[in-house]
Amino acid sequence: MLQKDQKMAVIKKKTKITMQSAGVSLLLLGFQVLMGVKFACPCRFWWNQGVALLIVTVPAFFAGLMMHLFLRFQKQNNSELSEGQDNTGISKSGKKLHCMIRFIPSLLWVCVFLIDGDYLACGLTSWNGQYSCDTDVHPNCVSWCKPESNQGTDETGKYIYTQFTINISKSLGYGLALLSCSILCIILYMSKGNNRSGTSVSRQQRPEEVVETETIALQVPQSV
């Protein structure tokens, strides 16, 4: 009975950690929606690189830090569950799971950053201009840094370069998203492995309980 309660506590703990990771990820997605509405590339070479770098690093670091704090507080609150138990194997697999779960929100934000495409295209823009959506160049109206008229540059060539950068960014983002799905599948597989190991341990201890019960029954004197 004690092993069953401990197993249920571990499952609840993992479920809570996964929900925390999902909550942080949803928070980042909401932040990205706001960024998509308000974002406008400064279209100045040095500013472009700085803005793109801040957009990809600050939310990713913030999400990773939040997950680290959540896991740390969760570990402190559930430290009494491991007292008096020999769960070396479970602790090793638990550390691996925590390590992977800790990076899920940050990895998700990098995926969103790349799939959007505009952020990376802004960071790689090497000319000054005005951020606009020019339907004269392309009917789909892709936002880009339109060069200033006094620069005398080829607008069509720079637009094609911007569109190519956006496509490359999206491809990298979707590839990273597939990698994230693979990591989630590994986490689910490891969680099932821990649950099976806990079940096998509880089954191995049941015969001992039966033997102990029979020993107690033999020690009770029979009534004459």
C-alpha atoms as a PDB file:
ATOM      1  CA  MET A   1       0.000   0.000   0.000  1.00  0.00           C
ATOM      2  CA  LEU A   2       2.864   2.327   0.846  1.00  0.00           C
ATOM      3  CA  GLN A   3       4.566   1.638  -2.483  1.00  0.00           C
ATOM      4  CA  LYS A   4       1.326   2.377  -4.311  1.00  0.00           C
ATOM      5  CA  ASP A   5       0.955   5.730  -2.545  1.00  0.00           C
ATOM      6  CA  GLN A   6       4.557   6.609  -3.363  1.00  0.00           C
ATOM      7  CA  LYS A   7       4.044   5.684  -6.999  1.00  0.00           C
ATOM      8  CA  MET A   8       0.919   7.855  -7.236  1.00  0.00           C
ATOM      9  CA  ALA A   9       2.810  10.744  -5.635  1.00  0.00           C
ATOM     10  CA  VAL A  10       5.601  10.465  -8.209  1.00  0.00           C
ATOM     11  CA  ILE A  11       3.077  10.392 -11.074  1.00  0.00           C
ATOM     12  CA  LYS A  12       1.309  13.477  -9.704  1.00  0.00           C
ATOM     13  CA  LYS A  13       4.659  15.231  -9.385  1.00  0.00           C
ATOM     14  CA  LYS A  14       5.574  14.530 -13.024  1.00  0.00           C
ATOM     15  CA  THR A  15       2.133  15.651 -14.173  1.00  0.00           C
ATOM     16  CA  LYS A  16       2.475  18.901 -12.253  1.00  0.00           C
ATOM     17  CA  ILE A  17       5.916  19.568 -13.740  1.00  0.00           C
ATOM     18  CA  THR A  18       4.571  18.948 -17.253  1.00  0.00           C
ATOM     19  CA  MET A  19       1.669  21.339 -16.619  1.00  0.00           C
ATOM     20  CA  GLN A  20       4.111  23.995 -15.418  1.00  0.00           C
ATOM     21  CA  SER A  21       6.148  23.584 -18.587  1.00  0.00           C
ATOM     22  CA  ALA A  22       2.988  23.872 -20.683  1.00  0.00           C
ATOM     23  CA  GLY A  23       1.970  27.010 -18.770  1.00  0.00           C
ATOM     24  CA  VAL A  24       5.300  28.711 -19.437  1.00  0.00           C
ATOM     25  CA  SER A  25       5.095  27.710 -23.103  1.00  0.00           C
ATOM     26  CA  LEU A  26       1.597  29.192 -23.432  1.00  0.00           C
ATOM     27  CA  LEU A  27       2.856  32.383 -21.795  1.00  0.00           C
ATOM     28  CA  LEU A  28       5.586  32.624 -24.434  1.00  0.00           C
ATOM     29  CA  LEU A  29       3.079  32.023 -27.227  1.00  0.00           C
ATOM     30  CA  GLY A  30       0.915  34.849 -25.909  1.00  0.00           C
ATOM     31  CA  PHE A  31       3.973  37.087 -25.793  1.00  0.00           C
ATOM     32  CA  GLN A  32       4.763  36.166 -29.399  1.00  0.00           C
ATOM     33  CA  VAL A  33       1.232  37.158 -30.476  1.00  0.00           C
ATOM     34  CA  LEU A  34       1.762  40.592 -28.930  1.00  0.00           C
ATOM     35  CA  MET A  35       5.162  40.834 -30.593  1.00  0.00           C
ATOM     36  CA  GLY A  36       3.626  39.970 -33.959  1.00  0.00           C
ATOM     37  CA  VAL A  37       1.095  42.783 -33.618  1.00  0.00           C
ATOM     38  CA  LYS A  38       3.558  45.424 -32.399  1.00  0.00           C
ATOM     39  CA  PHE A  39       6.817  44.298 -34.032  1.00  0.00           C
ATOM     40  CA  ALA A  40       8.431  46.602 -36.559  1.00  0.00           C
ATOM     41  CA  CYS A  41      12.015  46.221 -37.667  1.00  0.00           C
ATOM     42  CA  PRO A  42      14.042  49.416 -37.069  1.00  0.00           C
ATOM     43  CA  CYS A  43      15.683  48.947 -40.496  1.00  0.00           C
ATOM     44  CA  ARG A  44      19.016  50.248 -39.246  1.00  0.00           C
ATOM     45  CA  PHE A  45      21.900  47.803 -39.649  1.00  0.00           C
ATOM     46  CA  TRP A  46      23.302  47.810 -36.103  1.00  0.00           C
ATOM     47  CA  TRP A  47      19.860  48.115 -34.512  1.00  0.00           C
ATOM     48  CA  ASN A  48      18.545  45.187 -36.536  1.00  0.00           C
ATOM     49  CA  GLN A  49      21.103  42.746 -35.148  1.00  0.00           C
ATOM     50  CA  GLY A  50      20.649  43.938 -31.559  1.00  0.00           C
ATOM     51  CA  VAL A  51      16.850  43.769 -31.660  1.00  0.00           C
ATOM     52  CA  ALA A  52      16.834  40.282 -33.200  1.00  0.00           C
ATOM     53  CA  LEU A  53      19.379  39.031 -30.662  1.00  0.00           C
ATOM     54  CA  LEU A  54      17.364  40.391 -27.732  1.00  0.00           C
ATOM     55  CA  ILE A  55      14.123  38.913 -29.060  1.00  0.00           C
ATOM     56  CA  VAL A  56      15.572  35.400 -29.303  1.00  0.00           C
ATOM     57  CA  THR A  57      17.671  35.366 -26.113  1.00  0.00           C
ATOM     58  CA  VAL A  58      15.724  37.265 -23.435  1.00  0.00           C
ATOM     59  CA  PRO A  59      12.411  35.298 -23.572  1.00  0.00           C
ATOM     60  CA  ALA A  60      14.294  31.996 -23.948  1.00  0.00           C
ATOM     61  CA  PHE A  61      16.456  32.757 -20.906  1.00  0.00           C
ATOM     62  CA  PHE A  62      13.411  33.944 -18.939  1.00  0.00           C
ATOM     63  CA  ALA A  63      11.477  30.745 -19.736  1.00  0.00           C
ATOM     64  CA  GLY A  64      14.427  28.541 -18.810  1.00  0.00           C
ATOM     65  CA  LEU A  65      14.901  30.403 -15.534  1.00  0.00           C
ATOM     66  CA  MET A  66      11.218  30.068 -14.640  1.00  0.00           C
ATOM     67  CA  MET A  67      11.266  26.320 -15.286  1.00  0.00           C
ATOM     68  CA  HIS A  68      14.449  25.984 -13.221  1.00  0.00           C
ATOM     69  CA  LEU A  69      12.787  27.761 -10.285  1.00  0.00           C
ATOM     70  CA  PHE A  70       9.606  25.690 -10.634  1.00  0.00           C
ATOM     71  CA  LEU A  71      11.565  22.430 -10.621  1.00  0.00           C
ATOM     72  CA  ARG A  72      13.702  23.585  -7.709  1.00  0.00           C
ATOM     73  CA  PHE A  73      10.685  24.501  -5.566  1.00  0.00           C
ATOM     74  CA  GLN A  74       8.977  21.256  -6.578  1.00  0.00           C
ATOM     75  CA  LYS A  75      12.039  19.287  -5.506  1.00  0.00           C
ATOM     76  CA  GLN A  76      12.091  21.010  -2.114  1.00  0.00           C
ATOM     77  CA  ASN A  77       8.374  20.455  -1.528  1.00  0.00           C
ATOM     78  CA  ASN A  78       8.588  16.749  -2.399  1.00  0.00           C
ATOM     79  CA  SER A  79      11.903  15.934  -0.736  1.00  0.00           C
ATOM     80  CA  GLU A  80      10.113  13.986   1.984  1.00  0.00           C
ATOM     81  CA  LEU A  81       8.882  11.445  -0.596  1.00  0.00           C
ATOM     82  CA  SER A  82      12.399  10.071  -1.099  1.00  0.00           C
ATOM     83  CA  GLU A  83      13.140   9.589   2.612  1.00  0.00           C
ATOM     84  CA  GLY A  84      13.794   5.964   3.525  1.00  0.00           C
ATOM     85  CA  GLN A  85      13.578   4.758  -0.081  1.00  0.00           C
ATOM     86  CA  ASP A  86      16.148   3.130  -2.339  1.00  0.00           C
ATOM     87  CA  ASN A  87      15.243   4.835  -5.609  1.00  0.00           C
ATOM     88  CA  THR A  88      18.645   5.351  -7.180  1.00  0.00           C
ATOM     89  CA  GLY A  89      17.489   4.334 -10.646  1.00  0.00           C
ATOM     90  CA  ILE A  90      14.388   6.465 -10.428  1.00  0.00           C
ATOM     91  CA  SER A  91      16.413   9.489  -9.297  1.00  0.00           C
ATOM     92  CA  LYS A  92      18.793   9.150 -12.257  1.00  0.00           C
ATOM     93  CA  SER A  93      15.963   8.957 -14.772  1.00  0.00           C
ATOM     94  CA  GLY A  94      14.197  11.768 -12.929  1.00  0.00           C
ATOM     95  CA  LYS A  95      17.220  14.020 -13.355  1.00  0.00           C
ATOM     96  CA  LYS A  96      17.269  13.301 -17.083  1.00  0.00           C
ATOM     97  CA  LEU A  97      13.569  14.117 -17.342  1.00  0.00           C
ATOM     98  CA  HIS A  98      13.982  17.352 -15.399  1.00  0.00           C
ATOM     99  CA  CYS A  99      16.900  18.363 -17.609  1.00  0.00           C
ATOM    100  CA  MET A 100      14.861  17.861 -20.783  1.00  0.00           C
ATOM    101  CA  ILE A 101      11.687  19.446 -19.397  1.00  0.00           C
ATOM    102  CA  ARG A 102      13.680  22.478 -18.258  1.00  0.00           C
ATOM    103  CA  PHE A 103      14.638  23.324 -21.849  1.00  0.00           C
ATOM    104  CA  ILE A 104      11.234  22.737 -23.466  1.00  0.00           C
ATOM    105  CA  PRO A 105       9.876  26.338 -23.099  1.00  0.00           C
ATOM    106  CA  SER A 106      13.164  27.863 -24.298  1.00  0.00           C
ATOM    107  CA  LEU A 107      13.285  25.488 -27.244  1.00  0.00           C
ATOM    108  CA  LEU A 108       9.672  26.290 -28.067  1.00  0.00           C
ATOM    109  CA  TRP A 109      10.444  30.012 -28.124  1.00  0.00           C
ATOM    110  CA  VAL A 110      13.368  29.495 -30.508  1.00  0.00           C
ATOM    111  CA  CYS A 111      10.991  27.525 -32.758  1.00  0.00           C
ATOM    112  CA  VAL A 112       8.480  30.392 -32.693  1.00  0.00           C
ATOM    113  CA  PHE A 113      11.273  32.895 -33.389  1.00  0.00           C
ATOM    114  CA  LEU A 114      12.420  30.979 -36.471  1.00  0.00           C
ATOM    115  CA  ILE A 115       8.980  29.992 -37.792  1.00  0.00           C
ATOM    116  CA  ASP A 116       7.855  33.628 -37.738  1.00  0.00           C
ATOM    117  CA  GLY A 117      10.664  34.489 -40.151  1.00  0.00           C
ATOM    118  CA  ASP A 118      10.420  38.271 -39.795  1.00  0.00           C
ATOM    119  CA  TYR A 119      12.705  38.373 -36.752  1.00  0.00           C
ATOM    120  CA  LEU A 120      15.637  36.617 -38.425  1.00  0.00           C
ATOM    121  CA  ALA A 121      15.092  38.524 -41.675  1.00  0.00           C
ATOM    122  CA  CYS A 122      15.238  41.767 -39.721  1.00  0.00           C
ATOM    123  CA  GLY A 123      18.462  40.733 -37.993  1.00  0.00           C
ATOM    124  CA  LEU A 124      20.131  39.857 -41.308  1.00  0.00           C
ATOM    125  CA  THR A 125      19.077  43.056 -43.086  1.00  0.00           C
ATOM    126  CA  SER A 126      22.248  45.007 -43.868  1.00  0.00           C
ATOM    127  CA  TRP A 127      20.793  48.197 -45.338  1.00  0.00           C
ATOM    128  CA  ASN A 128      18.851  51.176 -44.054  1.00  0.00           C
ATOM    129  CA  GLY A 129      15.271  51.711 -45.044  1.00  0.00           C
ATOM    130  CA  GLN A 130      11.667  51.778 -43.906  1.00  0.00           C
ATOM    131  CA  TYR A 131       9.742  48.771 -42.624  1.00  0.00           C
ATOM    132  CA  SER A 132       6.741  48.471 -44.892  1.00  0.00           C
ATOM    133  CA  CYS A 133       4.470  46.076 -46.720  1.00  0.00           C
ATOM    134  CA  ASP A 134       4.876  46.872 -50.403  1.00  0.00           C
ATOM    135  CA  THR A 135       2.185  45.302 -52.581  1.00  0.00           C
ATOM    136  CA  ASP A 136       3.814  46.714 -55.712  1.00  0.00           C
ATOM    137  CA  VAL A 137       6.774  44.341 -55.344  1.00  0.00           C
ATOM    138  CA  HIS A 138       4.839  41.255 -54.279  1.00  0.00           C
ATOM    139  CA  PRO A 139       1.044  40.691 -54.069  1.00  0.00           C
ATOM    140  CA  ASN A 140       1.331  38.691 -50.815  1.00  0.00           C
ATOM    141  CA  CYS A 141       2.616  41.800 -49.046  1.00  0.00           C
ATOM    142  CA  VAL A 142       5.625  40.502 -47.099  1.00  0.00           C
ATOM    143  CA  SER A 143       6.872  43.044 -44.553  1.00  0.00           C
ATOM    144  CA  TRP A 144      10.471  44.019 -45.201  1.00  0.00           C
ATOM    145  CA  CYS A 145      12.942  46.894 -44.952  1.00  0.00           C
ATOM    146  CA  LYS A 146      12.361  48.842 -48.147  1.00  0.00           C
ATOM    147  CA  PRO A 147      15.600  50.658 -49.053  1.00  0.00           C
ATOM    148  CA  GLU A 148      15.619  54.429 -49.039  1.00  0.00           C
ATOM    149  CA  SER A 149      15.184  56.041 -52.430  1.00  0.00           C
ATOM    150  CA  ASN A 150      18.481  57.940 -52.255  1.00  0.00           C
ATOM    151  CA  GLN A 151      20.555  54.740 -51.921  1.00  0.00           C
ATOM    152  CA  GLY A 152      20.148  53.763 -55.566  1.00  0.00           C
ATOM    153  CA  THR A 153      19.983  50.022 -54.794  1.00  0.00           C
ATOM    154  CA  ASP A 154      18.078  47.202 -56.456  1.00  0.00           C
ATOM    155  CA  GLU A 155      14.845  46.899 -54.481  1.00  0.00           C
ATOM    156  CA  THR A 156      13.775  43.710 -56.220  1.00  0.00           C
ATOM    157  CA  GLY A 157      17.058  41.953 -55.407  1.00  0.00           C
ATOM    158  CA  LYS A 158      16.921  42.965 -51.753  1.00  0.00           C
ATOM    159  CA  TYR A 159      13.294  41.895 -51.530  1.00  0.00           C
ATOM    160  CA  ILE A 160      14.188  38.468 -52.958  1.00  0.00           C
ATOM    161  CA  TYR A 161      17.003  38.219 -50.391  1.00  0.00           C
ATOM    162  CA  THR A 162      14.567  39.061 -47.572  1.00  0.00           C
ATOM    163  CA  GLN A 163      12.036  36.521 -48.802  1.00  0.00           C
ATOM    164  CA  PHE A 164      14.767  33.864 -49.089  1.00  0.00           C
ATOM    165  CA  THR A 165      15.877  34.589 -45.510  1.00  0.00           C
ATOM    166  CA  ILE A 166      12.292  34.236 -44.270  1.00  0.00           C
ATOM    167  CA  ASN A 167      11.921  30.874 -46.027  1.00  0.00           C
ATOM    168  CA  ILE A 168      15.200  29.578 -44.577  1.00  0.00           C
ATOM    169  CA  SER A 169      14.148  30.742 -41.105  1.00  0.00           C
ATOM    170  CA  LYS A 170      10.805  28.954 -41.379  1.00  0.00           C
ATOM    171  CA  SER A 171      12.488  25.748 -42.550  1.00  0.00           C
ATOM    172  CA  LEU A 172      14.893  25.809 -39.605  1.00  0.00           C
ATOM    173  CA  GLY A 173      11.999  26.511 -37.241  1.00  0.00           C
ATOM    174  CA  TYR A 174       9.951  23.560 -38.437  1.00  0.00           C
ATOM    175  CA  GLY A 175      13.007  21.307 -38.252  1.00  0.00           C
ATOM    176  CA  LEU A 176      13.613  22.391 -34.674  1.00  0.00           C
ATOM    177  CA  ALA A 177       9.925  21.797 -33.925  1.00  0.00           C
ATOM    178  CA  LEU A 178      10.313  18.196 -35.118  1.00  0.00           C
ATOM    179  CA  LEU A 179      13.292  17.850 -32.798  1.00  0.00           C
ATOM    180  CA  SER A 180      11.160  19.180 -29.932  1.00  0.00           C
ATOM    181  CA  CYS A 181       8.472  16.597 -30.693  1.00  0.00           C
ATOM    182  CA  SER A 182      11.130  13.885 -30.593  1.00  0.00           C
ATOM    183  CA  ILE A 183      12.271  15.096 -27.178  1.00  0.00           C
ATOM    184  CA  LEU A 184       8.671  15.025 -25.921  1.00  0.00           C
ATOM    185  CA  CYS A 185       8.291  11.451 -27.183  1.00  0.00           C
ATOM    186  CA  ILE A 186      11.463  10.486 -25.316  1.00  0.00           C
ATOM    187  CA  ILE A 187      10.096  12.093 -22.146  1.00  0.00           C
ATOM    188  CA  LEU A 188       6.845  10.140 -22.461  1.00  0.00           C
ATOM    189  CA  TYR A 189       8.769   6.908 -23.048  1.00  0.00           C
ATOM    190  CA  MET A 190      10.987   7.486 -20.014  1.00  0.00           C
ATOM    191  CA  SER A 191       7.939   8.321 -17.879  1.00  0.00           C
ATOM    192  CA  LYS A 192       6.277   5.053 -18.870  1.00  0.00           C
ATOM    193  CA  GLY A 193       9.505   3.205 -18.082  1.00  0.00           C
ATOM    194  CA  ASN A 194       9.577   4.693 -14.593  1.00  0.00           C
ATOM    195  CA  ASN A 195       5.941   3.749 -14.026  1.00  0.00           C
ATOM    196  CA  ARG A 196       6.624   0.152 -15.122  1.00  0.00           C
ATOM    197  CA  SER A 197       9.658  -0.101 -12.862  1.00  0.00           C
ATOM    198  CA  GLY A 198       7.602   1.162  -9.934  1.00  0.00           C
ATOM    199  CA  THR A 199       4.915  -1.418 -10.668  1.00  0.00           C
ATOM    200  CA  SER A 200       7.458  -4.262 -10.836  1.00  0.00           C
ATOM    201  CA  VAL A 201       8.966  -3.204  -7.511  1.00  0.00           C
ATOM    202  CA  SER A 202       5.561  -3.203  -5.847  1.00  0.00           C
ATOM    203  CA  ARG A 203       4.805  -6.663  -7.277  1.00  0.00           C
ATOM    204  CA  GLN A 204       8.102  -8.043  -5.987  1.00  0.00           C
ATOM    205  CA  GLN A 205       7.275  -6.872  -2.499  1.00  0.00           C
ATOM    206  CA  ARG A 206       3.827  -8.447  -2.381  1.00  0.00           C
ATOM    207  CA  PRO A 207       5.108 -12.043  -1.754  1.00  0.00           C
ATOM    208  CA  GLU A 208       7.098 -10.761   1.218  1.00  0.00           C
ATOM    209  CA  GLU A 209       3.935  -9.277   2.662  1.00  0.00           C
ATOM    210  CA  VAL A 210       2.158 -12.623   2.171  1.00  0.00           C
ATOM    211  CA  VAL A 211       4.976 -14.529   3.903  1.00  0.00           C
ATOM    212  CA  GLU A 212       4.919 -12.080   6.788  1.00  0.00           C
ATOM    213  CA  THR A 213       1.146 -12.507   7.132  1.00  0.00           C
ATOM    214  CA  GLU A 214       1.466 -16.313   7.139  1.00  0.00           C
ATOM    215  CA  THR A 215       4.208 -16.148   9.779  1.00  0.00           C
ATOM    216  CA  ILE A 216       2.023 -14.041  12.024  1.00  0.00           C
ATOM    217  CA  ALA A 217      -0.870 -16.470  11.516  1.00  0.00           C
ATOM    218  CA  LEU A 218       1.312 -19.449  12.524  1.00  0.00           C
ATOM    219  CA  GLN A 219       2.419 -17.682  15.675  1.00  0.00           C
ATOM    220  CA  VAL A 220      -1.164 -17.220  16.865  1.00  0.00           C
ATOM    221  CA  PRO A 221      -2.108 -20.144  19.191  1.00  0.00           C
ATOM    222  CA  GLN A 222      -5.050 -22.195  18.025  1.00  0.00           C
ATOM    223  CA  SER A 223      -8.048 -22.397  20.294  1.00  0.00           C
ATOM    224  CA  VAL A 224      -8.598 -25.802  21.970  1.00  0.00           C
END
